[in-house]
Amino acid sequence: MHYLALTLPGGQTIQAPADLPQGGLTTVTKVIANAITIMLILTVILSLIFLILGGIGWITSGGDKQKVSSARSRITYAIIGLIVALLSFFIVGIVGFFFNVKLL
């Protein structure tokens, strides 16, 4: 099997620009760290939005038991989601510590 090799006259080589990322494990680690951070920020923002919506629903329920129950469950699920998100963030940090990977 023959491979196509492109060469420059006189054995010259082409150098990549200095600021161009070369890839590798450090680049993958940075991408994963950024993705985890973005997901955590989005989760916290969404949890706060659902907490606020649950509070507004509770205030505007007017004493209707079904609306109060719906608002209470929305608040409960928002708090549970926030706790799960923060716990997953800490678990990823602990796993990264044991495998000597700095994600953040």
C-alpha atoms as a PDB file:
ATOM      1  CA  MET A   1       0.000   0.000   0.000  1.00  0.00           C
ATOM      2  CA  HIS A   2       1.378   3.406  -0.945  1.00  0.00           C
ATOM      3  CA  TYR A   3       0.742   6.544   1.009  1.00  0.00           C
ATOM      4  CA  LEU A   4       0.479   9.969  -0.497  1.00  0.00           C
ATOM      5  CA  ALA A   5       3.110  12.218   1.007  1.00  0.00           C
ATOM      6  CA  LEU A   6       3.146  15.917   0.357  1.00  0.00           C
ATOM      7  CA  THR A   7       6.534  17.547   0.637  1.00  0.00           C
ATOM      8  CA  LEU A   8       7.904  20.978  -0.053  1.00  0.00           C
ATOM      9  CA  PRO A   9      10.921  21.538  -2.242  1.00  0.00           C
ATOM     10  CA  GLY A  10      14.211  21.401  -0.379  1.00  0.00           C
ATOM     11  CA  GLY A  11      12.813  19.428   2.588  1.00  0.00           C
ATOM     12  CA  GLN A  12      11.057  22.466   4.043  1.00  0.00           C
ATOM     13  CA  THR A  13       8.241  22.033   6.542  1.00  0.00           C
ATOM     14  CA  ILE A  14       5.145  24.035   7.289  1.00  0.00           C
ATOM     15  CA  GLN A  15       4.879  25.289  10.861  1.00  0.00           C
ATOM     16  CA  ALA A  16       1.493  25.742  12.450  1.00  0.00           C
ATOM     17  CA  PRO A  17       0.693  29.176  13.893  1.00  0.00           C
ATOM     18  CA  ALA A  18       1.851  29.546  17.487  1.00  0.00           C
ATOM     19  CA  ASP A  19      -1.612  30.302  18.921  1.00  0.00           C
ATOM     20  CA  LEU A  20      -3.323  27.375  17.196  1.00  0.00           C
ATOM     21  CA  PRO A  21      -4.340  24.667  19.698  1.00  0.00           C
ATOM     22  CA  GLN A  22      -2.659  21.358  19.044  1.00  0.00           C
ATOM     23  CA  GLY A  23      -5.284  19.182  20.714  1.00  0.00           C
ATOM     24  CA  GLY A  24      -4.527  16.294  23.000  1.00  0.00           C
ATOM     25  CA  LEU A  25      -5.667  15.425  26.490  1.00  0.00           C
ATOM     26  CA  THR A  26      -5.391  18.966  27.825  1.00  0.00           C
ATOM     27  CA  THR A  27      -7.787  20.259  25.189  1.00  0.00           C
ATOM     28  CA  VAL A  28     -10.294  17.484  25.892  1.00  0.00           C
ATOM     29  CA  THR A  29     -10.031  18.191  29.610  1.00  0.00           C
ATOM     30  CA  LYS A  30     -10.713  21.889  29.045  1.00  0.00           C
ATOM     31  CA  VAL A  31     -13.726  21.120  26.855  1.00  0.00           C
ATOM     32  CA  ILE A  32     -15.168  18.727  29.448  1.00  0.00           C
ATOM     33  CA  ALA A  33     -14.529  21.204  32.261  1.00  0.00           C
ATOM     34  CA  ASN A  34     -16.247  23.996  30.337  1.00  0.00           C
ATOM     35  CA  ALA A  35     -19.203  21.747  29.490  1.00  0.00           C
ATOM     36  CA  ILE A  36     -19.629  20.721  33.135  1.00  0.00           C
ATOM     37  CA  THR A  37     -19.456  24.336  34.273  1.00  0.00           C
ATOM     38  CA  ILE A  38     -21.998  25.473  31.680  1.00  0.00           C
ATOM     39  CA  MET A  39     -24.381  22.643  32.582  1.00  0.00           C
ATOM     40  CA  LEU A  40     -24.081  23.446  36.286  1.00  0.00           C
ATOM     41  CA  ILE A  41     -24.780  27.141  35.674  1.00  0.00           C
ATOM     42  CA  LEU A  42     -27.812  26.304  33.515  1.00  0.00           C
ATOM     43  CA  THR A  43     -29.107  23.880  36.137  1.00  0.00           C
ATOM     44  CA  VAL A  44     -28.797  26.455  38.914  1.00  0.00           C
ATOM     45  CA  ILE A  45     -30.509  29.121  36.814  1.00  0.00           C
ATOM     46  CA  LEU A  46     -33.368  26.777  35.854  1.00  0.00           C
ATOM     47  CA  SER A  47     -33.771  25.633  39.469  1.00  0.00           C
ATOM     48  CA  LEU A  48     -34.029  29.237  40.631  1.00  0.00           C
ATOM     49  CA  ILE A  49     -36.560  29.998  37.909  1.00  0.00           C
ATOM     50  CA  PHE A  50     -38.703  27.032  38.981  1.00  0.00           C
ATOM     51  CA  LEU A  51     -38.381  28.083  42.630  1.00  0.00           C
ATOM     52  CA  ILE A  52     -39.612  31.563  41.748  1.00  0.00           C
ATOM     53  CA  LEU A  53     -42.460  30.163  39.623  1.00  0.00           C
ATOM     54  CA  GLY A  54     -43.447  27.848  42.466  1.00  0.00           C
ATOM     55  CA  GLY A  55     -43.451  30.766  44.899  1.00  0.00           C
ATOM     56  CA  ILE A  56     -45.553  32.864  42.562  1.00  0.00           C
ATOM     57  CA  GLY A  57     -47.932  29.947  42.081  1.00  0.00           C
ATOM     58  CA  TRP A  58     -48.232  29.529  45.842  1.00  0.00           C
ATOM     59  CA  ILE A  59     -48.907  33.233  46.374  1.00  0.00           C
ATOM     60  CA  THR A  60     -51.511  33.418  43.604  1.00  0.00           C
ATOM     61  CA  SER A  61     -53.240  30.172  44.555  1.00  0.00           C
ATOM     62  CA  GLY A  62     -55.864  31.996  46.574  1.00  0.00           C
ATOM     63  CA  GLY A  63     -56.217  29.141  49.041  1.00  0.00           C
ATOM     64  CA  ASP A  64     -57.061  26.532  46.388  1.00  0.00           C
ATOM     65  CA  LYS A  65     -55.622  23.277  47.733  1.00  0.00           C
ATOM     66  CA  GLN A  66     -54.822  21.866  44.292  1.00  0.00           C
ATOM     67  CA  LYS A  67     -52.864  24.976  43.254  1.00  0.00           C
ATOM     68  CA  VAL A  68     -51.017  25.054  46.570  1.00  0.00           C
ATOM     69  CA  SER A  69     -50.125  21.384  46.173  1.00  0.00           C
ATOM     70  CA  SER A  70     -48.906  21.994  42.622  1.00  0.00           C
ATOM     71  CA  ALA A  71     -46.790  24.958  43.728  1.00  0.00           C
ATOM     72  CA  ARG A  72     -45.391  23.008  46.677  1.00  0.00           C
ATOM     73  CA  SER A  73     -44.383  20.096  44.444  1.00  0.00           C
ATOM     74  CA  ARG A  74     -42.767  22.497  41.943  1.00  0.00           C
ATOM     75  CA  ILE A  75     -40.707  24.047  44.756  1.00  0.00           C
ATOM     76  CA  THR A  76     -39.789  20.630  46.124  1.00  0.00           C
ATOM     77  CA  TYR A  77     -38.661  19.336  42.739  1.00  0.00           C
ATOM     78  CA  ALA A  78     -36.661  22.499  42.073  1.00  0.00           C
ATOM     79  CA  ILE A  79     -34.808  22.084  45.377  1.00  0.00           C
ATOM     80  CA  ILE A  80     -34.213  18.380  44.710  1.00  0.00           C
ATOM     81  CA  GLY A  81     -32.904  19.206  41.221  1.00  0.00           C
ATOM     82  CA  LEU A  82     -30.563  21.817  42.651  1.00  0.00           C
ATOM     83  CA  ILE A  83     -29.244  19.379  45.257  1.00  0.00           C
ATOM     84  CA  VAL A  84     -28.722  16.645  42.647  1.00  0.00           C
ATOM     85  CA  ALA A  85     -26.888  19.076  40.354  1.00  0.00           C
ATOM     86  CA  LEU A  86     -24.571  20.257  43.126  1.00  0.00           C
ATOM     87  CA  LEU A  87     -23.941  16.698  44.301  1.00  0.00           C
ATOM     88  CA  SER A  88     -23.078  15.609  40.762  1.00  0.00           C
ATOM     89  CA  PHE A  89     -20.654  18.549  40.521  1.00  0.00           C
ATOM     90  CA  PHE A  90     -18.935  17.452  43.730  1.00  0.00           C
ATOM     91  CA  ILE A  91     -18.895  13.781  42.662  1.00  0.00           C
ATOM     92  CA  VAL A  92     -17.211  14.705  39.382  1.00  0.00           C
ATOM     93  CA  GLY A  93     -14.662  16.711  41.382  1.00  0.00           C
ATOM     94  CA  ILE A  94     -13.980  13.785  43.709  1.00  0.00           C
ATOM     95  CA  VAL A  95     -13.599  11.332  40.818  1.00  0.00           C
ATOM     96  CA  GLY A  96     -11.280  13.804  39.099  1.00  0.00           C
ATOM     97  CA  PHE A  97      -9.241  14.083  42.289  1.00  0.00           C
ATOM     98  CA  PHE A  98      -8.828  10.308  42.565  1.00  0.00           C
ATOM     99  CA  PHE A  99      -7.787  10.003  38.914  1.00  0.00           C
ATOM    100  CA  ASN A 100      -5.554  13.091  39.157  1.00  0.00           C
ATOM    101  CA  VAL A 101      -7.535  15.056  36.557  1.00  0.00           C
ATOM    102  CA  LYS A 102      -8.034  18.765  37.098  1.00  0.00           C
ATOM    103  CA  LEU A 103     -11.406  19.589  35.579  1.00  0.00           C
ATOM    104  CA  LEU A 104     -11.898  23.016  37.087  1.00  0.00           C
END
